[in-house]
N, C-alpha and C. Protein backbone atom coordinates (compact mmCIF):
# COMPACT_ATOMS: atom_id res chain seq x y z
N MET A 1 139.98 40.58 -119.89
CA MET A 1 140.91 39.68 -119.22
C MET A 1 140.19 38.45 -118.66
N ALA A 2 138.94 38.60 -118.29
CA ALA A 2 138.20 37.47 -117.71
C ALA A 2 138.11 36.30 -118.69
N TRP A 3 137.91 36.61 -119.97
CA TRP A 3 137.82 35.53 -120.97
C TRP A 3 139.18 34.86 -121.19
N VAL A 4 140.24 35.61 -120.99
CA VAL A 4 141.59 35.02 -121.06
C VAL A 4 141.74 34.00 -119.93
N TYR A 5 141.25 34.35 -118.75
CA TYR A 5 141.29 33.41 -117.63
C TYR A 5 140.49 32.14 -117.94
N VAL A 6 139.35 32.30 -118.56
CA VAL A 6 138.56 31.13 -118.96
C VAL A 6 139.36 30.26 -119.93
N GLY A 7 140.01 30.90 -120.90
CA GLY A 7 140.82 30.16 -121.87
C GLY A 7 141.99 29.43 -121.23
N ILE A 8 142.67 30.11 -120.31
CA ILE A 8 143.79 29.48 -119.61
C ILE A 8 143.29 28.29 -118.79
N SER A 9 142.18 28.48 -118.12
CA SER A 9 141.60 27.39 -117.34
C SER A 9 141.29 26.19 -118.22
N LEU A 10 140.73 26.45 -119.39
CA LEU A 10 140.41 25.39 -120.33
C LEU A 10 141.66 24.65 -120.79
N VAL A 11 142.66 25.38 -121.22
CA VAL A 11 143.90 24.76 -121.72
C VAL A 11 144.58 23.94 -120.62
N LEU A 12 144.65 24.49 -119.41
CA LEU A 12 145.30 23.77 -118.32
C LEU A 12 144.52 22.52 -117.92
N THR A 13 143.20 22.59 -117.97
CA THR A 13 142.38 21.42 -117.66
C THR A 13 142.62 20.30 -118.68
N VAL A 14 142.66 20.66 -119.94
CA VAL A 14 142.91 19.67 -120.99
C VAL A 14 144.31 19.08 -120.83
N TYR A 15 145.30 19.93 -120.58
CA TYR A 15 146.66 19.45 -120.34
C TYR A 15 146.67 18.40 -119.23
N GLY A 16 146.02 18.72 -118.12
CA GLY A 16 146.00 17.80 -116.98
C GLY A 16 145.39 16.46 -117.34
N GLN A 17 144.29 16.47 -118.07
CA GLN A 17 143.64 15.22 -118.45
C GLN A 17 144.54 14.38 -119.35
N LEU A 18 145.20 15.02 -120.30
CA LEU A 18 146.07 14.28 -121.23
C LEU A 18 147.29 13.72 -120.52
N VAL A 19 147.87 14.49 -119.63
CA VAL A 19 149.05 14.02 -118.89
C VAL A 19 148.69 12.86 -117.98
N ILE A 20 147.57 12.97 -117.27
CA ILE A 20 147.15 11.87 -116.39
C ILE A 20 146.95 10.59 -117.21
N LYS A 21 146.26 10.69 -118.34
CA LYS A 21 146.04 9.51 -119.18
C LYS A 21 147.36 8.92 -119.65
N TRP A 22 148.27 9.76 -120.09
CA TRP A 22 149.57 9.33 -120.58
C TRP A 22 150.34 8.58 -119.49
N GLN A 23 150.36 9.13 -118.30
CA GLN A 23 151.13 8.51 -117.22
C GLN A 23 150.44 7.25 -116.68
N VAL A 24 149.13 7.23 -116.66
CA VAL A 24 148.41 6.01 -116.25
C VAL A 24 148.68 4.89 -117.25
N LEU A 25 148.68 5.22 -118.53
CA LEU A 25 149.00 4.22 -119.55
C LEU A 25 150.41 3.65 -119.34
N ARG A 26 151.33 4.49 -118.97
CA ARG A 26 152.71 4.04 -118.72
C ARG A 26 152.80 3.12 -117.51
N ARG A 27 151.95 3.34 -116.50
CA ARG A 27 151.96 2.51 -115.29
C ARG A 27 151.28 1.17 -115.51
N GLY A 28 150.35 1.11 -116.43
CA GLY A 28 149.64 -0.14 -116.68
C GLY A 28 148.32 -0.19 -115.93
N HIS A 29 147.77 -1.38 -115.85
CA HIS A 29 146.46 -1.57 -115.22
C HIS A 29 146.55 -1.47 -113.69
N LEU A 30 145.46 -1.06 -113.10
CA LEU A 30 145.36 -0.99 -111.65
C LEU A 30 145.43 -2.40 -111.08
N PRO A 31 146.38 -2.67 -110.18
CA PRO A 31 146.51 -4.00 -109.61
C PRO A 31 145.28 -4.39 -108.77
N PRO A 32 145.02 -5.68 -108.64
CA PRO A 32 143.84 -6.12 -107.90
C PRO A 32 143.99 -6.07 -106.38
N THR A 33 145.22 -6.12 -105.89
CA THR A 33 145.42 -6.18 -104.44
C THR A 33 145.47 -4.78 -103.83
N PRO A 34 145.09 -4.67 -102.56
CA PRO A 34 145.18 -3.36 -101.91
C PRO A 34 146.60 -2.79 -101.90
N SER A 35 147.59 -3.62 -101.61
CA SER A 35 148.97 -3.12 -101.58
C SER A 35 149.42 -2.72 -102.99
N GLY A 36 148.96 -3.45 -103.99
CA GLY A 36 149.28 -3.09 -105.37
C GLY A 36 148.68 -1.75 -105.76
N LYS A 37 147.46 -1.53 -105.29
CA LYS A 37 146.80 -0.25 -105.55
C LYS A 37 147.55 0.91 -104.88
N VAL A 38 147.98 0.70 -103.65
CA VAL A 38 148.73 1.74 -102.94
C VAL A 38 150.01 2.06 -103.70
N ASP A 39 150.73 1.03 -104.12
CA ASP A 39 151.97 1.23 -104.88
C ASP A 39 151.69 1.95 -106.21
N PHE A 40 150.62 1.54 -106.86
CA PHE A 40 150.24 2.13 -108.15
C PHE A 40 150.01 3.63 -107.99
N PHE A 41 149.15 3.99 -107.03
CA PHE A 41 148.82 5.41 -106.85
C PHE A 41 149.99 6.20 -106.27
N ALA A 42 150.77 5.59 -105.39
CA ALA A 42 151.94 6.28 -104.84
C ALA A 42 152.92 6.60 -105.96
N GLY A 43 153.13 5.63 -106.86
CA GLY A 43 154.01 5.87 -107.99
C GLY A 43 153.51 7.01 -108.87
N LEU A 44 152.21 7.06 -109.07
CA LEU A 44 151.65 8.16 -109.87
C LEU A 44 151.77 9.50 -109.15
N LEU A 45 151.47 9.51 -107.86
CA LEU A 45 151.51 10.76 -107.12
C LEU A 45 152.93 11.33 -106.97
N LEU A 46 153.93 10.48 -107.10
CA LEU A 46 155.32 10.93 -107.03
C LEU A 46 155.90 11.23 -108.41
N ASN A 47 155.14 10.96 -109.44
CA ASN A 47 155.58 11.18 -110.82
C ASN A 47 155.56 12.68 -111.13
N PRO A 48 156.67 13.24 -111.61
CA PRO A 48 156.71 14.69 -111.89
C PRO A 48 155.65 15.14 -112.90
N TRP A 49 155.34 14.32 -113.88
CA TRP A 49 154.30 14.69 -114.84
C TRP A 49 152.94 14.78 -114.17
N VAL A 50 152.66 13.83 -113.30
CA VAL A 50 151.37 13.85 -112.60
C VAL A 50 151.32 15.04 -111.65
N VAL A 51 152.42 15.32 -111.00
CA VAL A 51 152.47 16.50 -110.13
C VAL A 51 152.21 17.76 -110.96
N SER A 52 152.78 17.83 -112.16
CA SER A 52 152.53 19.01 -113.01
C SER A 52 151.06 19.09 -113.39
N ALA A 53 150.42 17.95 -113.63
CA ALA A 53 148.99 17.95 -113.96
C ALA A 53 148.16 18.44 -112.78
N MET A 54 148.54 18.01 -111.59
CA MET A 54 147.80 18.47 -110.40
C MET A 54 148.01 19.97 -110.17
N LEU A 55 149.23 20.44 -110.38
CA LEU A 55 149.50 21.87 -110.22
C LEU A 55 148.74 22.69 -111.26
N THR A 56 148.70 22.22 -112.50
CA THR A 56 147.98 22.97 -113.51
C THR A 56 146.48 22.95 -113.25
N THR A 57 146.00 21.88 -112.65
CA THR A 57 144.58 21.84 -112.26
C THR A 57 144.30 22.89 -111.19
N PHE A 58 145.22 23.04 -110.27
CA PHE A 58 145.09 24.07 -109.23
C PHE A 58 145.12 25.47 -109.85
N VAL A 59 146.07 25.69 -110.77
CA VAL A 59 146.16 27.00 -111.43
C VAL A 59 144.91 27.25 -112.28
N ALA A 60 144.40 26.21 -112.91
CA ALA A 60 143.17 26.34 -113.69
C ALA A 60 142.03 26.79 -112.78
N ALA A 61 141.96 26.23 -111.59
CA ALA A 61 140.91 26.63 -110.63
C ALA A 61 141.09 28.09 -110.22
N LEU A 62 142.32 28.53 -110.02
CA LEU A 62 142.57 29.93 -109.68
C LEU A 62 142.13 30.85 -110.83
N CYS A 63 142.46 30.45 -112.05
CA CYS A 63 142.04 31.25 -113.22
C CYS A 63 140.52 31.30 -113.31
N TRP A 64 139.88 30.17 -113.03
CA TRP A 64 138.42 30.15 -113.08
C TRP A 64 137.84 31.10 -112.02
N MET A 65 138.42 31.08 -110.83
CA MET A 65 137.95 32.00 -109.79
C MET A 65 138.14 33.45 -110.21
N ALA A 66 139.26 33.75 -110.83
CA ALA A 66 139.51 35.11 -111.30
C ALA A 66 138.48 35.50 -112.36
N ALA A 67 138.18 34.58 -113.26
CA ALA A 67 137.17 34.86 -114.29
C ALA A 67 135.80 35.10 -113.68
N MET A 68 135.48 34.35 -112.64
CA MET A 68 134.16 34.47 -112.02
C MET A 68 133.95 35.81 -111.33
N THR A 69 135.04 36.55 -111.08
CA THR A 69 134.87 37.87 -110.48
C THR A 69 134.31 38.88 -111.47
N HIS A 70 134.35 38.53 -112.77
CA HIS A 70 133.89 39.46 -113.80
C HIS A 70 132.80 38.90 -114.72
N LEU A 71 132.58 37.60 -114.70
CA LEU A 71 131.64 36.97 -115.63
C LEU A 71 130.50 36.29 -114.89
N GLU A 72 129.37 36.23 -115.55
CA GLU A 72 128.27 35.44 -115.03
C GLU A 72 128.61 33.96 -115.25
N LEU A 73 128.35 33.16 -114.25
CA LEU A 73 128.62 31.72 -114.35
C LEU A 73 127.86 31.12 -115.54
N SER A 74 126.63 31.54 -115.72
CA SER A 74 125.82 30.98 -116.81
C SER A 74 126.35 31.34 -118.19
N LYS A 75 127.16 32.39 -118.28
CA LYS A 75 127.79 32.77 -119.56
C LYS A 75 129.12 32.06 -119.76
N ALA A 76 129.88 31.90 -118.70
CA ALA A 76 131.23 31.33 -118.81
C ALA A 76 131.25 29.81 -118.80
N TYR A 77 130.38 29.20 -117.99
CA TYR A 77 130.48 27.75 -117.79
C TYR A 77 130.30 26.93 -119.06
N PRO A 78 129.45 27.34 -119.99
CA PRO A 78 129.36 26.53 -121.22
C PRO A 78 130.70 26.36 -121.94
N PHE A 79 131.61 27.28 -121.75
CA PHE A 79 132.91 27.16 -122.41
C PHE A 79 133.74 26.01 -121.83
N ALA A 80 133.40 25.57 -120.63
CA ALA A 80 134.06 24.39 -120.06
C ALA A 80 133.79 23.17 -120.93
N ALA A 81 132.70 23.18 -121.66
CA ALA A 81 132.37 22.05 -122.54
C ALA A 81 133.38 21.90 -123.67
N LEU A 82 134.12 22.97 -123.96
CA LEU A 82 135.16 22.85 -124.99
C LEU A 82 136.22 21.84 -124.58
N SER A 83 136.38 21.62 -123.28
CA SER A 83 137.36 20.61 -122.84
C SER A 83 136.96 19.23 -123.33
N PHE A 84 135.65 18.93 -123.38
CA PHE A 84 135.21 17.63 -123.90
C PHE A 84 135.64 17.45 -125.35
N ILE A 85 135.47 18.52 -126.11
CA ILE A 85 135.81 18.47 -127.53
C ILE A 85 137.31 18.32 -127.71
N LEU A 86 138.08 19.13 -127.02
CA LEU A 86 139.54 19.08 -127.15
C LEU A 86 140.11 17.75 -126.67
N VAL A 87 139.61 17.26 -125.55
CA VAL A 87 140.12 15.98 -125.03
C VAL A 87 139.79 14.84 -126.00
N LEU A 88 138.59 14.85 -126.57
CA LEU A 88 138.23 13.81 -127.54
C LEU A 88 139.19 13.83 -128.73
N ILE A 89 139.39 15.00 -129.30
CA ILE A 89 140.28 15.11 -130.47
C ILE A 89 141.71 14.74 -130.12
N LEU A 90 142.22 15.30 -129.04
CA LEU A 90 143.62 15.06 -128.67
C LEU A 90 143.86 13.64 -128.17
N SER A 91 142.86 12.99 -127.58
CA SER A 91 143.04 11.59 -127.17
C SER A 91 143.13 10.70 -128.40
N GLY A 92 142.46 11.09 -129.47
CA GLY A 92 142.61 10.36 -130.73
C GLY A 92 143.99 10.57 -131.32
N VAL A 93 144.48 11.80 -131.28
CA VAL A 93 145.79 12.12 -131.85
C VAL A 93 146.92 11.48 -131.05
N PHE A 94 146.91 11.64 -129.72
CA PHE A 94 148.03 11.20 -128.90
C PHE A 94 147.96 9.75 -128.44
N PHE A 95 146.75 9.24 -128.25
CA PHE A 95 146.60 7.90 -127.69
C PHE A 95 145.97 6.90 -128.65
N GLY A 96 145.63 7.36 -129.83
CA GLY A 96 145.00 6.47 -130.80
C GLY A 96 143.61 6.01 -130.40
N GLU A 97 142.96 6.77 -129.52
CA GLU A 97 141.61 6.39 -129.11
C GLU A 97 140.64 6.64 -130.27
N ALA A 98 139.63 5.81 -130.36
CA ALA A 98 138.70 5.89 -131.47
C ALA A 98 137.84 7.16 -131.38
N VAL A 99 137.78 7.86 -132.48
CA VAL A 99 136.86 8.97 -132.62
C VAL A 99 135.76 8.47 -133.55
N THR A 100 134.76 7.87 -132.94
CA THR A 100 133.69 7.20 -133.69
C THR A 100 132.68 8.22 -134.22
N PRO A 101 131.86 7.79 -135.16
CA PRO A 101 130.81 8.69 -135.63
C PRO A 101 129.90 9.16 -134.49
N ALA A 102 129.58 8.28 -133.56
CA ALA A 102 128.73 8.68 -132.43
C ALA A 102 129.41 9.75 -131.58
N LYS A 103 130.71 9.60 -131.32
CA LYS A 103 131.44 10.62 -130.55
C LYS A 103 131.51 11.92 -131.32
N SER A 104 131.70 11.82 -132.63
CA SER A 104 131.75 13.02 -133.47
C SER A 104 130.43 13.76 -133.44
N ILE A 105 129.33 13.02 -133.50
CA ILE A 105 128.01 13.65 -133.41
C ILE A 105 127.84 14.31 -132.05
N GLY A 106 128.30 13.64 -131.01
CA GLY A 106 128.23 14.22 -129.67
C GLY A 106 129.01 15.52 -129.59
N VAL A 107 130.18 15.57 -130.19
CA VAL A 107 130.99 16.78 -130.19
C VAL A 107 130.26 17.90 -130.93
N VAL A 108 129.67 17.56 -132.07
CA VAL A 108 128.92 18.56 -132.83
C VAL A 108 127.75 19.10 -131.99
N LEU A 109 127.08 18.21 -131.27
CA LEU A 109 125.97 18.64 -130.42
C LEU A 109 126.44 19.53 -129.27
N VAL A 110 127.56 19.17 -128.67
CA VAL A 110 128.12 20.00 -127.59
C VAL A 110 128.48 21.38 -128.13
N PHE A 111 129.12 21.40 -129.29
CA PHE A 111 129.51 22.67 -129.89
C PHE A 111 128.28 23.49 -130.25
N ALA A 112 127.27 22.84 -130.80
CA ALA A 112 126.03 23.54 -131.12
C ALA A 112 125.38 24.09 -129.86
N GLY A 113 125.40 23.32 -128.79
CA GLY A 113 124.86 23.79 -127.52
C GLY A 113 125.61 25.00 -127.00
N LEU A 114 126.92 25.00 -127.18
CA LEU A 114 127.73 26.15 -126.77
C LEU A 114 127.32 27.39 -127.56
N ILE A 115 127.18 27.22 -128.86
CA ILE A 115 126.79 28.36 -129.71
C ILE A 115 125.41 28.88 -129.30
N VAL A 116 124.48 27.98 -129.07
CA VAL A 116 123.12 28.39 -128.66
C VAL A 116 123.18 29.12 -127.31
N SER A 117 123.95 28.58 -126.37
CA SER A 117 123.98 29.17 -125.03
C SER A 117 124.59 30.55 -125.00
N VAL A 118 125.55 30.82 -125.86
CA VAL A 118 126.17 32.15 -125.84
C VAL A 118 125.41 33.15 -126.69
N SER A 119 124.57 32.65 -127.58
CA SER A 119 123.83 33.58 -128.44
C SER A 119 122.52 34.04 -127.84
N VAL A 120 122.13 33.43 -126.72
CA VAL A 120 120.86 33.80 -126.09
C VAL A 120 121.03 34.97 -125.16
């Protein structure tokens, strides 16, 4: 069950990152004035999608804590790196962000590092 908690934490973390990016894109650029910044962030903090991202981040933290009751941190934490891979791929799919050769090599290296870390 501990690895299920790690997986849930991973999925919820990725969800939160994608939702935040999506809603920030909808709001536009951060205004230069202090009052504009307050309005910008207030609008985001009152946005139901952003609230859902914050709640899932909280639930992800709870799942991580549950996993830590049964797993060694040094064994479980490398799996958090999967969020980098998933966010890179999904940001390309949903937001049209560039998945460059350099980013692809980085993903391969992260994945290779994960494999090495769990096989030791």
